[in-house]
Amino acid sequence: GDVIKGVDGCPCNTIEEVTGMVQKAPKDIRLSICRRPVSVVLESMIRMRMPSGEWEPFAFRLLSNRNIEFEKLSPPVYAGEIHARLAQSLKLVEERGGDKVLEIVTGHKHFQIKCETMLELETWQLR
């Protein structure tokens, strides 16, 4: 989501100007950028499987920087973050009994989440 505002100190107003400046530039260039503020892209109340195997309610928020924040809604309170860009896999899996869950695997953690509807679960998978 960053916006390139200039190349090597020269302002650029269009992507075509940026492309032209980069193509003409020497090997090393300096970009002037404008970082957009992080915003919430998707927000849902979702159940997440706990280490005990129980499903607990959480508030999940997908942010524009591709991070997923979650907060447990019942005691004991717990919050965390998943860096979606670093996820090794993100897939729908079928549990015994036919329920579908979204499985997110990172380098050090394994998350499983379940939504009220299949449409909502697919929306999280596609985002």
Foldseek 3Di string as FASTA:
>chain_A
DKAFQDKQPHGDDDVVVVVVCVVPDPPDIDTDIDDDDKDWDDWDFKWKQDPVRDTFTWIWTQIPQRKIKIWTDDPPIDIDIDNQVQWPDWDWDADVVGFIWIWTHGPPDIITIHDPDPVVRVVVSVD
